[in-house]
Amino acid sequence: MVLGQLARGERARIVAIEGGRGLRQRLYLRGLFEGREVRLVSNYGSVTVEIDRNVVAIGRGMAQKIIVERS
């Protein structure tokens, strides 16, 4: 499942990122990388997630490339 398919408040672990080096680097700088646990804050407009008490918003296109597993 991809990050954008989670329900609000649901937690998941990132298992893969389907994208090139540039995308992976942009996500890494925001704290999104494989093995990281995230919680979906909002899925309206952009996708907003919480990572270790930090809130990060990313575009829907990026979120579609982040493969997650519910935890």
PDB file of N, CA and C in Angstrom:
ATOM      1  N   MET A   1       0.841  -1.168   0.000  1.00  0.00           N
ATOM      2  CA  MET A   1       0.000   0.000   0.000  1.00  0.00           C
ATOM      3  C   MET A   1       0.889   1.233   0.000  1.00  0.00           C
ATOM      4  N   VAL A   2       0.373   2.328  -0.523  1.00  0.00           N
ATOM      5  CA  VAL A   2       1.151   3.569  -0.567  1.00  0.00           C
ATOM      6  C   VAL A   2       0.714   4.503   0.563  1.00  0.00           C
ATOM      7  N   LEU A   3       1.566   5.437   0.892  1.00  0.00           N
ATOM      8  CA  LEU A   3       1.345   6.333   2.023  1.00  0.00           C
ATOM      9  C   LEU A   3       0.001   7.050   1.958  1.00  0.00           C
ATOM     10  N   GLY A   4      -0.395   7.491   0.797  1.00  0.00           N
ATOM     11  CA  GLY A   4      -1.649   8.228   0.647  1.00  0.00           C
ATOM     12  C   GLY A   4      -2.899   7.413   0.901  1.00  0.00           C
ATOM     13  N   GLN A   5      -2.782   6.101   1.021  1.00  0.00           N
ATOM     14  CA  GLN A   5      -3.945   5.238   1.256  1.00  0.00           C
ATOM     15  C   GLN A   5      -4.241   5.017   2.732  1.00  0.00           C
ATOM     16  N   LEU A   6      -3.389   5.498   3.607  1.00  0.00           N
ATOM     17  CA  LEU A   6      -3.630   5.338   5.035  1.00  0.00           C
ATOM     18  C   LEU A   6      -4.796   6.207   5.479  1.00  0.00           C
ATOM     19  N   ALA A   7      -5.459   5.786   6.546  1.00  0.00           N
ATOM     20  CA  ALA A   7      -6.520   6.586   7.144  1.00  0.00           C
ATOM     21  C   ALA A   7      -5.900   7.576   8.128  1.00  0.00           C
ATOM     22  N   ARG A   8      -6.610   8.648   8.383  1.00  0.00           N
ATOM     23  CA  ARG A   8      -6.118   9.673   9.309  1.00  0.00           C
ATOM     24  C   ARG A   8      -5.828   9.059  10.679  1.00  0.00           C
ATOM     25  N   GLY A   9      -4.636   9.354  11.223  1.00  0.00           N
ATOM     26  CA  GLY A   9      -4.235   8.841  12.523  1.00  0.00           C
ATOM     27  C   GLY A   9      -3.579   7.471  12.487  1.00  0.00           C
ATOM     28  N   GLU A  10      -3.591   6.827  11.334  1.00  0.00           N
ATOM     29  CA  GLU A  10      -3.019   5.487  11.214  1.00  0.00           C
ATOM     30  C   GLU A  10      -1.493   5.542  11.156  1.00  0.00           C
ATOM     31  N   ARG A  11      -0.856   4.550  11.766  1.00  0.00           N
ATOM     32  CA  ARG A  11       0.609   4.459  11.771  1.00  0.00           C
ATOM     33  C   ARG A  11       1.064   3.400  10.781  1.00  0.00           C
ATOM     34  N   ALA A  12       2.248   3.643  10.204  1.00  0.00           N
ATOM     35  CA  ALA A  12       2.815   2.687   9.244  1.00  0.00           C
ATOM     36  C   ALA A  12       4.329   2.841   9.220  1.00  0.00           C
ATOM     37  N   ARG A  13       4.993   1.815   8.728  1.00  0.00           N
ATOM     38  CA  ARG A  13       6.447   1.829   8.566  1.00  0.00           C
ATOM     39  C   ARG A  13       6.750   1.888   7.071  1.00  0.00           C
ATOM     40  N   ILE A  14       7.687   2.740   6.683  1.00  0.00           N
ATOM     41  CA  ILE A  14       8.088   2.846   5.282  1.00  0.00           C
ATOM     42  C   ILE A  14       8.931   1.625   4.927  1.00  0.00           C
ATOM     43  N   VAL A  15       8.509   0.889   3.898  1.00  0.00           N
ATOM     44  CA  VAL A  15       9.251  -0.308   3.494  1.00  0.00           C
ATOM     45  C   VAL A  15      10.026  -0.094   2.198  1.00  0.00           C
ATOM     46  N   ALA A  16       9.599   0.850   1.365  1.00  0.00           N
ATOM     47  CA  ALA A  16      10.315   1.111   0.108  1.00  0.00           C
ATOM     48  C   ALA A  16       9.923   2.478  -0.430  1.00  0.00           C
ATOM     49  N   ILE A  17      10.822   3.035  -1.229  1.00  0.00           N
ATOM     50  CA  ILE A  17      10.539   4.282  -1.940  1.00  0.00           C
ATOM     51  C   ILE A  17      10.846   4.024  -3.407  1.00  0.00           C
ATOM     52  N   GLU A  18       9.818   4.141  -4.235  1.00  0.00           N
ATOM     53  CA  GLU A  18       9.966   3.880  -5.666  1.00  0.00           C
ATOM     54  C   GLU A  18      10.245   5.188  -6.383  1.00  0.00           C
ATOM     55  N   GLY A  19      11.496   5.495  -6.540  1.00  0.00           N
ATOM     56  CA  GLY A  19      11.859   6.733  -7.200  1.00  0.00           C
ATOM     57  C   GLY A  19      13.354   6.821  -7.373  1.00  0.00           C
ATOM     58  N   GLY A  20      13.771   7.805  -8.100  1.00  0.00           N
ATOM     59  CA  GLY A  20      15.188   8.009  -8.363  1.00  0.00           C
ATOM     60  C   GLY A  20      15.917   8.623  -7.181  1.00  0.00           C
ATOM     61  N   ARG A  21      17.194   8.841  -7.391  1.00  0.00           N
ATOM     62  CA  ARG A  21      18.054   9.366  -6.337  1.00  0.00           C
ATOM     63  C   ARG A  21      17.588  10.738  -5.855  1.00  0.00           C
ATOM     64  N   GLY A  22      17.153  11.598  -6.767  1.00  0.00           N
ATOM     65  CA  GLY A  22      16.696  12.937  -6.389  1.00  0.00           C
ATOM     66  C   GLY A  22      15.497  12.897  -5.462  1.00  0.00           C
ATOM     67  N   LEU A  23      14.514  12.082  -5.803  1.00  0.00           N
ATOM     68  CA  LEU A  23      13.326  11.951  -4.953  1.00  0.00           C
ATOM     69  C   LEU A  23      13.702  11.375  -3.600  1.00  0.00           C
ATOM     70  N   ARG A  24      14.498  10.331  -3.600  1.00  0.00           N
ATOM     71  CA  ARG A  24      14.899   9.689  -2.351  1.00  0.00           C
ATOM     72  C   ARG A  24      15.648  10.678  -1.449  1.00  0.00           C
ATOM     73  N   GLN A  25      16.482  11.528  -2.049  1.00  0.00           N
ATOM     74  CA  GLN A  25      17.229  12.511  -1.268  1.00  0.00           C
ATOM     75  C   GLN A  25      16.295  13.574  -0.685  1.00  0.00           C
ATOM     76  N   ARG A  26      15.344  14.065  -1.488  1.00  0.00           N
ATOM     77  CA  ARG A  26      14.391  15.073  -0.992  1.00  0.00           C
ATOM     78  C   ARG A  26      13.586  14.515   0.180  1.00  0.00           C
ATOM     79  N   LEU A  27      13.147  13.261   0.059  1.00  0.00           N
ATOM     80  CA  LEU A  27      12.382  12.648   1.137  1.00  0.00           C
ATOM     81  C   LEU A  27      13.259  12.408   2.365  1.00  0.00           C
ATOM     82  N   TYR A  28      14.488  11.981   2.149  1.00  0.00           N
ATOM     83  CA  TYR A  28      15.413  11.740   3.261  1.00  0.00           C
ATOM     84  C   TYR A  28      15.640  13.015   4.070  1.00  0.00           C
ATOM     85  N   LEU A  29      15.778  14.132   3.376  1.00  0.00           N
ATOM     86  CA  LEU A  29      15.993  15.408   4.067  1.00  0.00           C
ATOM     87  C   LEU A  29      14.782  15.826   4.894  1.00  0.00           C
ATOM     88  N   ARG A  30      13.617  15.296   4.558  1.00  0.00           N
ATOM     89  CA  ARG A  30      12.403  15.563   5.332  1.00  0.00           C
ATOM     90  C   ARG A  30      12.190  14.504   6.421  1.00  0.00           C
ATOM     91  N   GLY A  31      13.093  13.528   6.499  1.00  0.00           N
ATOM     92  CA  GLY A  31      12.981  12.489   7.521  1.00  0.00           C
ATOM     93  C   GLY A  31      12.242  11.253   7.081  1.00  0.00           C
ATOM     94  N   LEU A  32      11.938  11.157   5.792  1.00  0.00           N
ATOM     95  CA  LEU A  32      11.210  10.003   5.260  1.00  0.00           C
ATOM     96  C   LEU A  32      12.169   9.059   4.551  1.00  0.00           C
ATOM     97  N   PHE A  33      12.407   7.924   5.160  1.00  0.00           N
ATOM     98  CA  PHE A  33      13.278   6.918   4.551  1.00  0.00           C
ATOM     99  C   PHE A  33      12.853   5.541   5.035  1.00  0.00           C
ATOM    100  N   GLU A  34      13.355   4.509   4.389  1.00  0.00           N
ATOM    101  CA  GLU A  34      12.965   3.134   4.685  1.00  0.00           C
ATOM    102  C   GLU A  34      13.253   2.783   6.133  1.00  0.00           C
ATOM    103  N   GLY A  35      12.286   2.113   6.756  1.00  0.00           N
ATOM    104  CA  GLY A  35      12.408   1.711   8.146  1.00  0.00           C
ATOM    105  C   GLY A  35      11.803   2.706   9.119  1.00  0.00           C
ATOM    106  N   ARG A  36      11.480   3.893   8.668  1.00  0.00           N
ATOM    107  CA  ARG A  36      10.945   4.959   9.530  1.00  0.00           C
ATOM    108  C   ARG A  36       9.458   4.763   9.759  1.00  0.00           C
ATOM    109  N   GLU A  37       9.003   4.988  10.979  1.00  0.00           N
ATOM    110  CA  GLU A  37       7.582   4.904  11.279  1.00  0.00           C
ATOM    111  C   GLU A  37       6.962   6.294  11.193  1.00  0.00           C
ATOM    112  N   VAL A  38       5.798   6.367  10.559  1.00  0.00           N
ATOM    113  CA  VAL A  38       5.098   7.637  10.377  1.00  0.00           C
ATOM    114  C   VAL A  38       3.641   7.488  10.806  1.00  0.00           C
ATOM    115  N   ARG A  39       2.999   8.620  11.090  1.00  0.00           N
ATOM    116  CA  ARG A  39       1.563   8.649  11.386  1.00  0.00           C
ATOM    117  C   ARG A  39       0.922   9.667  10.460  1.00  0.00           C
ATOM    118  N   LEU A  40      -0.138   9.263   9.780  1.00  0.00           N
ATOM    119  CA  LEU A  40      -0.812  10.163   8.853  1.00  0.00           C
ATOM    120  C   LEU A  40      -1.638  11.180   9.633  1.00  0.00           C
ATOM    121  N   VAL A  41      -1.361  12.446   9.403  1.00  0.00           N
ATOM    122  CA  VAL A  41      -2.075  13.541  10.066  1.00  0.00           C
ATOM    123  C   VAL A  41      -3.238  13.991   9.193  1.00  0.00           C
ATOM    124  N   SER A  42      -2.982  14.167   7.904  1.00  0.00           N
ATOM    125  CA  SER A  42      -4.013  14.641   6.980  1.00  0.00           C
ATOM    126  C   SER A  42      -3.744  14.102   5.580  1.00  0.00           C
ATOM    127  N   ASN A  43      -4.814  13.827   4.890  1.00  0.00           N
ATOM    128  CA  ASN A  43      -4.712  13.335   3.527  1.00  0.00           C
ATOM    129  C   ASN A  43      -5.548  14.215   2.602  1.00  0.00           C
ATOM    130  N   TYR A  44      -5.781  15.430   3.028  1.00  0.00           N
ATOM    131  CA  TYR A  44      -6.580  16.375   2.257  1.00  0.00           C
ATOM    132  C   TYR A  44      -5.637  17.362   1.582  1.00  0.00           C
ATOM    133  N   GLY A  45      -5.663  17.417   0.264  1.00  0.00           N
ATOM    134  CA  GLY A  45      -4.710  18.261  -0.467  1.00  0.00           C
ATOM    135  C   GLY A  45      -3.363  17.563  -0.487  1.00  0.00           C
ATOM    136  N   SER A  46      -2.396  18.108   0.231  1.00  0.00           N
ATOM    137  CA  SER A  46      -1.105  17.429   0.343  1.00  0.00           C
ATOM    138  C   SER A  46      -1.221  16.358   1.437  1.00  0.00           C
ATOM    139  N   VAL A  47      -0.258  15.465   1.457  1.00  0.00           N
ATOM    140  CA  VAL A  47      -0.237  14.401   2.470  1.00  0.00           C
ATOM    141  C   VAL A  47       0.656  14.880   3.612  1.00  0.00           C
ATOM    142  N   THR A  48       0.090  14.940   4.804  1.00  0.00           N
ATOM    143  CA  THR A  48       0.817  15.428   5.970  1.00  0.00           C
ATOM    144  C   THR A  48       1.017  14.270   6.941  1.00  0.00           C
ATOM    145  N   VAL A  49       2.276  14.067   7.348  1.00  0.00           N
ATOM    146  CA  VAL A  49       2.596  12.983   8.266  1.00  0.00           C
ATOM    147  C   VAL A  49       3.375  13.521   9.469  1.00  0.00           C
ATOM    148  N   GLU A  50       3.318  12.777  10.551  1.00  0.00           N
ATOM    149  CA  GLU A  50       4.104  13.107  11.741  1.00  0.00           C
ATOM    150  C   GLU A  50       5.222  12.081  11.866  1.00  0.00           C
ATOM    151  N   ILE A  51       6.440  12.591  12.066  1.00  0.00           N
ATOM    152  CA  ILE A  51       7.617  11.748  12.232  1.00  0.00           C
ATOM    153  C   ILE A  51       8.333  12.246  13.483  1.00  0.00           C
ATOM    154  N   ASP A  52       8.384  11.439  14.505  1.00  0.00           N
ATOM    155  CA  ASP A  52       9.069  11.837  15.751  1.00  0.00           C
ATOM    156  C   ASP A  52       8.666  13.241  16.208  1.00  0.00           C
ATOM    157  N   ARG A  53       7.382  13.499  16.288  1.00  0.00           N
ATOM    158  CA  ARG A  53       6.812  14.779  16.748  1.00  0.00           C
ATOM    159  C   ARG A  53       7.038  15.941  15.786  1.00  0.00           C
ATOM    160  N   ASN A  54       7.559  15.681  14.614  1.00  0.00           N
ATOM    161  CA  ASN A  54       7.688  16.709  13.573  1.00  0.00           C
ATOM    162  C   ASN A  54       6.644  16.453  12.504  1.00  0.00           C
ATOM    163  N   VAL A  55       6.024  17.505  12.004  1.00  0.00           N
ATOM    164  CA  VAL A  55       4.998  17.378  10.975  1.00  0.00           C
ATOM    165  C   VAL A  55       5.597  17.772   9.630  1.00  0.00           C
ATOM    166  N   VAL A  56       5.393  16.898   8.632  1.00  0.00           N
ATOM    167  CA  VAL A  56       5.956  17.097   7.301  1.00  0.00           C
ATOM    168  C   VAL A  56       4.837  16.954   6.268  1.00  0.00           C
ATOM    169  N   ALA A  57       4.761  17.892   5.339  1.00  0.00           N
ATOM    170  CA  ALA A  57       3.781  17.822   4.252  1.00  0.00           C
ATOM    171  C   ALA A  57       4.522  17.543   2.950  1.00  0.00           C
ATOM    172  N   ILE A  58       3.990  16.590   2.182  1.00  0.00           N
ATOM    173  CA  ILE A  58       4.552  16.271   0.867  1.00  0.00           C
ATOM    174  C   ILE A  58       3.423  16.203  -0.148  1.00  0.00           C
ATOM    175  N   GLY A  59       3.769  16.335  -1.401  1.00  0.00           N
ATOM    176  CA  GLY A  59       2.780  16.276  -2.461  1.00  0.00           C
ATOM    177  C   GLY A  59       2.242  14.863  -2.658  1.00  0.00           C
ATOM    178  N   ARG A  60       1.071  14.788  -3.279  1.00  0.00           N
ATOM    179  CA  ARG A  60       0.448  13.489  -3.538  1.00  0.00           C
ATOM    180  C   ARG A  60       1.306  12.599  -4.431  1.00  0.00           C
ATOM    181  N   GLY A  61       1.986  13.190  -5.394  1.00  0.00           N
ATOM    182  CA  GLY A  61       2.840  12.411  -6.289  1.00  0.00           C
ATOM    183  C   GLY A  61       3.960  11.720  -5.536  1.00  0.00           C
ATOM    184  N   MET A  62       4.580  12.445  -4.622  1.00  0.00           N
ATOM    185  CA  MET A  62       5.628  11.851  -3.792  1.00  0.00           C
ATOM    186  C   MET A  62       5.050  10.751  -2.909  1.00  0.00           C
ATOM    187  N   ALA A  63       3.898  11.022  -2.306  1.00  0.00           N
ATOM    188  CA  ALA A  63       3.283  10.050  -1.397  1.00  0.00           C
ATOM    189  C   ALA A  63       2.944   8.745  -2.119  1.00  0.00           C
ATOM    190  N   GLN A  64       2.621   8.827  -3.402  1.00  0.00           N
ATOM    191  CA  GLN A  64       2.279   7.619  -4.167  1.00  0.00           C
ATOM    192  C   GLN A  64       3.500   6.735  -4.398  1.00  0.00           C
ATOM    193  N   LYS A  65       4.681   7.257  -4.195  1.00  0.00           N
ATOM    194  CA  LYS A  65       5.906   6.482  -4.414  1.00  0.00           C
ATOM    195  C   LYS A  65       6.485   5.914  -3.128  1.00  0.00           C
ATOM    196  N   ILE A  66       5.810   6.177  -2.003  1.00  0.00           N
ATOM    197  CA  ILE A  66       6.274   5.677  -0.719  1.00  0.00           C
ATOM    198  C   ILE A  66       5.412   4.473  -0.333  1.00  0.00           C
ATOM    199  N   ILE A  67       6.038   3.308  -0.300  1.00  0.00           N
ATOM    200  CA  ILE A  67       5.345   2.068   0.027  1.00  0.00           C
ATOM    201  C   ILE A  67       5.438   1.854   1.533  1.00  0.00           C
ATOM    202  N   VAL A  68       4.286   1.611   2.169  1.00  0.00           N
ATOM    203  CA  VAL A  68       4.242   1.453   3.623  1.00  0.00           C
ATOM    204  C   VAL A  68       3.563   0.144   4.011  1.00  0.00           C
ATOM    205  N   GLU A  69       3.785  -0.204   5.257  1.00  0.00           N
ATOM    206  CA  GLU A  69       3.162  -1.385   5.865  1.00  0.00           C
ATOM    207  C   GLU A  69       2.575  -0.937   7.188  1.00  0.00           C
ATOM    208  N   ARG A  70       1.290  -1.207   7.391  1.00  0.00           N
ATOM    209  CA  ARG A  70       0.646  -0.784   8.645  1.00  0.00           C
ATOM    210  C   ARG A  70       1.371  -1.398   9.841  1.00  0.00           C
ATOM    211  N   SER A  71       1.469  -0.623  10.916  1.00  0.00           N
ATOM    212  CA  SER A  71       2.132  -1.158  12.118  1.00  0.00           C
ATOM    213  C   SER A  71       1.187  -1.158  13.301  1.00  0.00           C
TER     214      SER A  71
END
